[in-house]
Amino acid sequence: MHFNIWQLGIVLLIVVLIFGTKRLKSIGSDLGGAIKGFKSAMDTDGDKSTKEGHKRLESDEPDAEFAEQKKDKDRSA
């Protein structure tokens, strides 16, 4: 299925009339930000925040919720 330039122009005109230029600009920037975020999440080699997140998960400090549960068990025993 091939589109010529007139068909693409008509579709573009209809899209602009429906959404408006400001809305199309915000949709484009949101889509670009989502793609950048997805690419950075897929790149685990250079992502420092992921490495820091792993360090937090591997820490020996108990979670606040776990500490409260432990106190409740000690009181009931």
PDB file of N, CA and C in Angstrom:
ATOM      1  N   MET A   1       0.850  -1.158   0.000  1.00  0.00           N
ATOM      2  CA  MET A   1       0.000   0.000   0.000  1.00  0.00           C
ATOM      3  C   MET A   1       0.907   1.236   0.000  1.00  0.00           C
ATOM      4  N   HIS A   2       0.802   2.048  -1.000  1.00  0.00           N
ATOM      5  CA  HIS A   2       1.640   3.227  -1.159  1.00  0.00           C
ATOM      6  C   HIS A   2       0.792   4.483  -1.022  1.00  0.00           C
ATOM      7  N   PHE A   3       1.368   5.473  -0.310  1.00  0.00           N
ATOM      8  CA  PHE A   3       0.714   6.760  -0.155  1.00  0.00           C
ATOM      9  C   PHE A   3       1.471   7.797  -0.975  1.00  0.00           C
ATOM     10  N   ASN A   4       0.739   8.660  -1.631  1.00  0.00           N
ATOM     11  CA  ASN A   4       1.415   9.758  -2.317  1.00  0.00           C
ATOM     12  C   ASN A   4       1.412  10.993  -1.413  1.00  0.00           C
ATOM     13  N   ILE A   5       2.055  12.042  -1.851  1.00  0.00           N
ATOM     14  CA  ILE A   5       2.231  13.240  -1.033  1.00  0.00           C
ATOM     15  C   ILE A   5       0.901  13.921  -0.714  1.00  0.00           C
ATOM     16  N   TRP A   6      -0.061  13.855  -1.615  1.00  0.00           N
ATOM     17  CA  TRP A   6      -1.363  14.493  -1.374  1.00  0.00           C
ATOM     18  C   TRP A   6      -2.132  13.775  -0.275  1.00  0.00           C
ATOM     19  N   GLN A   7      -2.085  12.470  -0.272  1.00  0.00           N
ATOM     20  CA  GLN A   7      -2.783  11.705   0.770  1.00  0.00           C
ATOM     21  C   GLN A   7      -2.165  11.962   2.142  1.00  0.00           C
ATOM     22  N   LEU A   8      -0.838  12.001   2.209  1.00  0.00           N
ATOM     23  CA  LEU A   8      -0.180  12.292   3.481  1.00  0.00           C
ATOM     24  C   LEU A   8      -0.486  13.705   3.954  1.00  0.00           C
ATOM     25  N   GLY A   9      -0.549  14.649   3.033  1.00  0.00           N
ATOM     26  CA  GLY A   9      -0.885  16.028   3.379  1.00  0.00           C
ATOM     27  C   GLY A   9      -2.292  16.154   3.934  1.00  0.00           C
ATOM     28  N   ILE A  10      -3.229  15.453   3.333  1.00  0.00           N
ATOM     29  CA  ILE A  10      -4.613  15.491   3.809  1.00  0.00           C
ATOM     30  C   ILE A  10      -4.714  14.885   5.208  1.00  0.00           C
ATOM     31  N   VAL A  11      -4.033  13.777   5.439  1.00  0.00           N
ATOM     32  CA  VAL A  11      -4.051  13.145   6.768  1.00  0.00           C
ATOM     33  C   VAL A  11      -3.425  14.084   7.792  1.00  0.00           C
ATOM     34  N   LEU A  12      -2.308  14.714   7.448  1.00  0.00           N
ATOM     35  CA  LEU A  12      -1.660  15.658   8.359  1.00  0.00           C
ATOM     36  C   LEU A  12      -2.570  16.841   8.669  1.00  0.00           C
ATOM     37  N   LEU A  13      -3.259  17.363   7.672  1.00  0.00           N
ATOM     38  CA  LEU A  13      -4.184  18.468   7.876  1.00  0.00           C
ATOM     39  C   LEU A  13      -5.326  18.071   8.814  1.00  0.00           C
ATOM     40  N   ILE A  14      -5.875  16.899   8.631  1.00  0.00           N
ATOM     41  CA  ILE A  14      -6.963  16.425   9.502  1.00  0.00           C
ATOM     42  C   ILE A  14      -6.473  16.269  10.938  1.00  0.00           C
ATOM     43  N   VAL A  15      -5.265  15.719  11.122  1.00  0.00           N
ATOM     44  CA  VAL A  15      -4.706  15.551  12.462  1.00  0.00           C
ATOM     45  C   VAL A  15      -4.488  16.897  13.131  1.00  0.00           C
ATOM     46  N   VAL A  16      -3.988  17.878  12.400  1.00  0.00           N
ATOM     47  CA  VAL A  16      -3.771  19.218  12.957  1.00  0.00           C
ATOM     48  C   VAL A  16      -5.102  19.855  13.325  1.00  0.00           C
ATOM     49  N   LEU A  17      -6.118  19.681  12.494  1.00  0.00           N
ATOM     50  CA  LEU A  17      -7.436  20.248  12.809  1.00  0.00           C
ATOM     51  C   LEU A  17      -8.053  19.594  14.042  1.00  0.00           C
ATOM     52  N   ILE A  18      -7.834  18.313  14.212  1.00  0.00           N
ATOM     53  CA  ILE A  18      -8.426  17.606  15.363  1.00  0.00           C
ATOM     54  C   ILE A  18      -7.700  17.969  16.657  1.00  0.00           C
ATOM     55  N   PHE A  19      -6.374  17.859  16.663  1.00  0.00           N
ATOM     56  CA  PHE A  19      -5.620  18.047  17.898  1.00  0.00           C
ATOM     57  C   PHE A  19      -5.129  19.466  18.117  1.00  0.00           C
ATOM     58  N   GLY A  20      -4.835  20.198  17.087  1.00  0.00           N
ATOM     59  CA  GLY A  20      -4.263  21.533  17.228  1.00  0.00           C
ATOM     60  C   GLY A  20      -2.748  21.440  17.325  1.00  0.00           C
ATOM     61  N   THR A  21      -2.086  22.536  16.979  1.00  0.00           N
ATOM     62  CA  THR A  21      -0.627  22.513  16.926  1.00  0.00           C
ATOM     63  C   THR A  21       0.005  22.428  18.316  1.00  0.00           C
ATOM     64  N   LYS A  22      -0.587  23.097  19.309  1.00  0.00           N
ATOM     65  CA  LYS A  22      -0.025  23.045  20.664  1.00  0.00           C
ATOM     66  C   LYS A  22      -0.113  21.641  21.240  1.00  0.00           C
ATOM     67  N   ARG A  23      -1.229  20.983  21.018  1.00  0.00           N
ATOM     68  CA  ARG A  23      -1.409  19.623  21.533  1.00  0.00           C
ATOM     69  C   ARG A  23      -0.461  18.652  20.831  1.00  0.00           C
ATOM     70  N   LEU A  24      -0.262  18.817  19.529  1.00  0.00           N
ATOM     71  CA  LEU A  24       0.668  17.956  18.799  1.00  0.00           C
ATOM     72  C   LEU A  24       2.096  18.157  19.294  1.00  0.00           C
ATOM     73  N   LYS A  25       2.456  19.400  19.626  1.00  0.00           N
ATOM     74  CA  LYS A  25       3.794  19.678  20.143  1.00  0.00           C
ATOM     75  C   LYS A  25       3.997  18.995  21.498  1.00  0.00           C
ATOM     76  N   SER A  26       3.009  19.064  22.365  1.00  0.00           N
ATOM     77  CA  SER A  26       3.145  18.419  23.675  1.00  0.00           C
ATOM     78  C   SER A  26       3.148  16.897  23.547  1.00  0.00           C
ATOM     79  N   ILE A  27       2.372  16.361  22.623  1.00  0.00           N
ATOM     80  CA  ILE A  27       2.381  14.913  22.389  1.00  0.00           C
ATOM     81  C   ILE A  27       3.754  14.473  21.897  1.00  0.00           C
ATOM     82  N   GLY A  28       4.338  15.253  21.002  1.00  0.00           N
ATOM     83  CA  GLY A  28       5.664  14.927  20.479  1.00  0.00           C
ATOM     84  C   GLY A  28       6.737  14.976  21.546  1.00  0.00           C
ATOM     85  N   SER A  29       6.693  15.988  22.396  1.00  0.00           N
ATOM     86  CA  SER A  29       7.709  16.087  23.451  1.00  0.00           C
ATOM     87  C   SER A  29       7.523  14.985  24.492  1.00  0.00           C
ATOM     88  N   ASP A  30       6.280  14.653  24.817  1.00  0.00           N
ATOM     89  CA  ASP A  30       6.032  13.555  25.751  1.00  0.00           C
ATOM     90  C   ASP A  30       6.508  12.223  25.178  1.00  0.00           C
ATOM     91  N   LEU A  31       6.263  12.012  23.907  1.00  0.00           N
ATOM     92  CA  LEU A  31       6.702  10.781  23.259  1.00  0.00           C
ATOM     93  C   LEU A  31       8.226  10.706  23.215  1.00  0.00           C
ATOM     94  N   GLY A  32       8.878  11.832  22.923  1.00  0.00           N
ATOM     95  CA  GLY A  32      10.332  11.862  22.915  1.00  0.00           C
ATOM     96  C   GLY A  32      10.924  11.579  24.288  1.00  0.00           C
ATOM     97  N   GLY A  33      10.323  12.138  25.330  1.00  0.00           N
ATOM     98  CA  GLY A  33      10.780  11.881  26.696  1.00  0.00           C
ATOM     99  C   GLY A  33      10.593  10.426  27.097  1.00  0.00           C
ATOM    100  N   ALA A  34       9.485   9.839  26.659  1.00  0.00           N
ATOM    101  CA  ALA A  34       9.244   8.433  26.968  1.00  0.00           C
ATOM    102  C   ALA A  34      10.262   7.534  26.276  1.00  0.00           C
ATOM    103  N   ILE A  35      10.598   7.863  25.036  1.00  0.00           N
ATOM    104  CA  ILE A  35      11.587   7.068  24.307  1.00  0.00           C
ATOM    105  C   ILE A  35      12.967   7.208  24.951  1.00  0.00           C
ATOM    106  N   LYS A  36      13.346   8.428  25.371  1.00  0.00           N
ATOM    107  CA  LYS A  36      14.624   8.630  26.052  1.00  0.00           C
ATOM    108  C   LYS A  36      14.673   7.840  27.359  1.00  0.00           C
ATOM    109  N   GLY A  37      13.592   7.877  28.109  1.00  0.00           N
ATOM    110  CA  GLY A  37      13.533   7.126  29.363  1.00  0.00           C
ATOM    111  C   GLY A  37      13.639   5.632  29.142  1.00  0.00           C
ATOM    112  N   PHE A  38      12.994   5.149  28.109  1.00  0.00           N
ATOM    113  CA  PHE A  38      13.050   3.721  27.799  1.00  0.00           C
ATOM    114  C   PHE A  38      14.452   3.316  27.403  1.00  0.00           C
ATOM    115  N   LYS A  39      15.102   4.133  26.575  1.00  0.00           N
ATOM    116  CA  LYS A  39      16.468   3.818  26.148  1.00  0.00           C
ATOM    117  C   LYS A  39      17.433   3.844  27.320  1.00  0.00           C
ATOM    118  N   SER A  40      17.293   4.815  28.211  1.00  0.00           N
ATOM    119  CA  SER A  40      18.196   4.873  29.359  1.00  0.00           C
ATOM    120  C   SER A  40      17.938   3.723  30.319  1.00  0.00           C
ATOM    121  N   ALA A  41      16.701   3.267  30.412  1.00  0.00           N
ATOM    122  CA  ALA A  41      16.411   2.114  31.263  1.00  0.00           C
ATOM    123  C   ALA A  41      16.971   0.828  30.666  1.00  0.00           C
ATOM    124  N   MET A  42      17.019   0.749  29.357  1.00  0.00           N
ATOM    125  CA  MET A  42      17.572  -0.435  28.708  1.00  0.00           C
ATOM    126  C   MET A  42      19.091  -0.469  28.791  1.00  0.00           C
ATOM    127  N   ASP A  43      19.733   0.697  28.920  1.00  0.00           N
ATOM    128  CA  ASP A  43      21.185   0.776  29.009  1.00  0.00           C
ATOM    129  C   ASP A  43      21.591   0.649  30.471  1.00  0.00           C
ATOM    130  N   THR A  44      21.939  -0.544  30.906  1.00  0.00           N
ATOM    131  CA  THR A  44      22.270  -0.770  32.308  1.00  0.00           C
ATOM    132  C   THR A  44      23.736  -0.531  32.599  1.00  0.00           C
ATOM    133  N   ASP A  45      24.600  -0.448  31.577  1.00  0.00           N
ATOM    134  CA  ASP A  45      26.023  -0.257  31.808  1.00  0.00           C
ATOM    135  C   ASP A  45      26.333   1.125  32.367  1.00  0.00           C
ATOM    136  N   GLY A  46      25.751   2.149  31.813  1.00  0.00           N
ATOM    137  CA  GLY A  46      26.081   3.502  32.222  1.00  0.00           C
ATOM    138  C   GLY A  46      25.097   4.105  33.195  1.00  0.00           C
ATOM    139  N   ASP A  47      24.124   3.362  33.651  1.00  0.00           N
ATOM    140  CA  ASP A  47      23.081   3.914  34.510  1.00  0.00           C
ATOM    141  C   ASP A  47      23.505   3.815  35.973  1.00  0.00           C
ATOM    142  N   LYS A  48      23.878   4.947  36.559  1.00  0.00           N
ATOM    143  CA  LYS A  48      24.340   4.949  37.944  1.00  0.00           C
ATOM    144  C   LYS A  48      23.194   4.765  38.920  1.00  0.00           C
ATOM    145  N   SER A  49      22.005   5.261  38.572  1.00  0.00           N
ATOM    146  CA  SER A  49      20.884   5.151  39.502  1.00  0.00           C
ATOM    147  C   SER A  49      20.492   3.693  39.711  1.00  0.00           C
ATOM    148  N   THR A  50      20.632   2.854  38.694  1.00  0.00           N
ATOM    149  CA  THR A  50      20.327   1.441  38.851  1.00  0.00           C
ATOM    150  C   THR A  50      21.326   0.784  39.780  1.00  0.00           C
ATOM    151  N   LYS A  51      22.601   1.147  39.642  1.00  0.00           N
ATOM    152  CA  LYS A  51      23.620   0.578  40.515  1.00  0.00           C
ATOM    153  C   LYS A  51      23.388   0.998  41.960  1.00  0.00           C
ATOM    154  N   GLU A  52      23.001   2.248  42.177  1.00  0.00           N
ATOM    155  CA  GLU A  52      22.704   2.712  43.528  1.00  0.00           C
ATOM    156  C   GLU A  52      21.478   2.000  44.080  1.00  0.00           C
ATOM    157  N   GLY A  53      20.513   1.739  43.225  1.00  0.00           N
ATOM    158  CA  GLY A  53      19.323   1.012  43.651  1.00  0.00           C
ATOM    159  C   GLY A  53      19.659  -0.394  44.092  1.00  0.00           C
ATOM    160  N   HIS A  54      20.583  -1.046  43.394  1.00  0.00           N
ATOM    161  CA  HIS A  54      21.004  -2.390  43.792  1.00  0.00           C
ATOM    162  C   HIS A  54      21.709  -2.353  45.139  1.00  0.00           C
ATOM    163  N   LYS A  55      22.506  -1.306  45.389  1.00  0.00           N
ATOM    164  CA  LYS A  55      23.188  -1.189  46.668  1.00  0.00           C
ATOM    165  C   LYS A  55      22.175  -1.062  47.800  1.00  0.00           C
ATOM    166  N   ARG A  56      21.111  -0.273  47.560  1.00  0.00           N
ATOM    167  CA  ARG A  56      20.091  -0.122  48.594  1.00  0.00           C
ATOM    168  C   ARG A  56      19.381  -1.438  48.857  1.00  0.00           C
ATOM    169  N   LEU A  57      19.138  -2.220  47.818  1.00  0.00           N
ATOM    170  CA  LEU A  57      18.459  -3.497  47.993  1.00  0.00           C
ATOM    171  C   LEU A  57      19.339  -4.512  48.712  1.00  0.00           C
ATOM    172  N   GLU A  58      20.643  -4.385  48.555  1.00  0.00           N
ATOM    173  CA  GLU A  58      21.559  -5.329  49.165  1.00  0.00           C
ATOM    174  C   GLU A  58      21.969  -4.930  50.577  1.00  0.00           C
ATOM    175  N   SER A  59      21.501  -3.810  51.090  1.00  0.00           N
ATOM    176  CA  SER A  59      21.933  -3.357  52.411  1.00  0.00           C
ATOM    177  C   SER A  59      21.359  -4.270  53.491  1.00  0.00           C
ATOM    178  N   ASP A  60      22.033  -4.288  54.629  1.00  0.00           N
ATOM    179  CA  ASP A  60      21.621  -5.149  55.736  1.00  0.00           C
ATOM    180  C   ASP A  60      20.634  -4.469  56.671  1.00  0.00           C
ATOM    181  N   GLU A  61      20.351  -3.195  56.415  1.00  0.00           N
ATOM    182  CA  GLU A  61      19.435  -2.467  57.275  1.00  0.00           C
ATOM    183  C   GLU A  61      18.010  -2.955  57.051  1.00  0.00           C
ATOM    184  N   PRO A  62      17.276  -3.244  58.130  1.00  0.00           N
ATOM    185  CA  PRO A  62      15.894  -3.713  57.950  1.00  0.00           C
ATOM    186  C   PRO A  62      14.976  -2.574  57.541  1.00  0.00           C
ATOM    187  N   ASP A  63      13.946  -2.904  56.843  1.00  0.00           N
ATOM    188  CA  ASP A  63      12.930  -1.925  56.485  1.00  0.00           C
ATOM    189  C   ASP A  63      12.158  -1.532  57.736  1.00  0.00           C
ATOM    190  N   ALA A  64      11.570  -0.351  57.701  1.00  0.00           N
ATOM    191  CA  ALA A  64      10.798   0.116  58.847  1.00  0.00           C
ATOM    192  C   ALA A  64       9.619  -0.800  59.120  1.00  0.00           C
ATOM    193  N   GLU A  65       8.981  -1.276  58.070  1.00  0.00           N
ATOM    194  CA  GLU A  65       7.826  -2.164  58.242  1.00  0.00           C
ATOM    195  C   GLU A  65       8.255  -3.485  58.864  1.00  0.00           C
ATOM    196  N   PHE A  66       9.393  -4.010  58.451  1.00  0.00           N
ATOM    197  CA  PHE A  66       9.887  -5.270  58.991  1.00  0.00           C
ATOM    198  C   PHE A  66      10.239  -5.109  60.466  1.00  0.00           C
ATOM    199  N   ALA A  67      10.832  -3.978  60.828  1.00  0.00           N
ATOM    200  CA  ALA A  67      11.198  -3.728  62.218  1.00  0.00           C
ATOM    201  C   ALA A  67       9.955  -3.664  63.094  1.00  0.00           C
ATOM    202  N   GLU A  68       8.885  -3.048  62.606  1.00  0.00           N
ATOM    203  CA  GLU A  68       7.643  -2.968  63.369  1.00  0.00           C
ATOM    204  C   GLU A  68       7.032  -4.349  63.552  1.00  0.00           C
ATOM    205  N   GLN A  69       7.078  -5.192  62.535  1.00  0.00           N
ATOM    206  CA  GLN A  69       6.535  -6.542  62.647  1.00  0.00           C
ATOM    207  C   GLN A  69       7.318  -7.344  63.667  1.00  0.00           C
ATOM    208  N   LYS A  70       8.636  -7.157  63.697  1.00  0.00           N
ATOM    209  CA  LYS A  70       9.478  -7.881  64.636  1.00  0.00           C
ATOM    210  C   LYS A  70       9.146  -7.456  66.060  1.00  0.00           C
ATOM    211  N   LYS A  71       8.912  -6.144  66.291  1.00  0.00           N
ATOM    212  CA  LYS A  71       8.556  -5.656  67.619  1.00  0.00           C
ATOM    213  C   LYS A  71       7.219  -6.234  68.048  1.00  0.00           C
ATOM    214  N   ASP A  72       6.250  -6.328  67.133  1.00  0.00           N
ATOM    215  CA  ASP A  72       4.935  -6.865  67.462  1.00  0.00           C
ATOM    216  C   ASP A  72       5.036  -8.333  67.848  1.00  0.00           C
ATOM    217  N   LYS A  73       5.885  -9.109  67.164  1.00  0.00           N
ATOM    218  CA  LYS A  73       6.068 -10.531  67.496  1.00  0.00           C
ATOM    219  C   LYS A  73       6.719 -10.696  68.857  1.00  0.00           C
ATOM    220  N   ASP A  74       7.676  -9.820  69.185  1.00  0.00           N
ATOM    221  CA  ASP A  74       8.349  -9.892  70.489  1.00  0.00           C
ATOM    222  C   ASP A  74       7.373  -9.585  71.602  1.00  0.00           C
ATOM    223  N   ARG A  75       6.460  -8.654  71.381  1.00  0.00           N
ATOM    224  CA  ARG A  75       5.485  -8.285  72.416  1.00  0.00           C
ATOM    225  C   ARG A  75       4.471  -9.398  72.655  1.00  0.00           C
ATOM    226  N   SER A  76       4.077 -10.093  71.580  1.00  0.00           N
ATOM    227  CA  SER A  76       3.057 -11.134  71.731  1.00  0.00           C
ATOM    228  C   SER A  76       3.627 -12.414  72.325  1.00  0.00           C
ATOM    229  N   ALA A  77       4.905 -12.604  72.271  1.00  0.00           N
ATOM    230  CA  ALA A  77       5.511 -13.836  72.779  1.00  0.00           C
ATOM    231  C   ALA A  77       5.741 -13.830  74.243  1.00  0.00           C
TER     232      ALA A  77
END
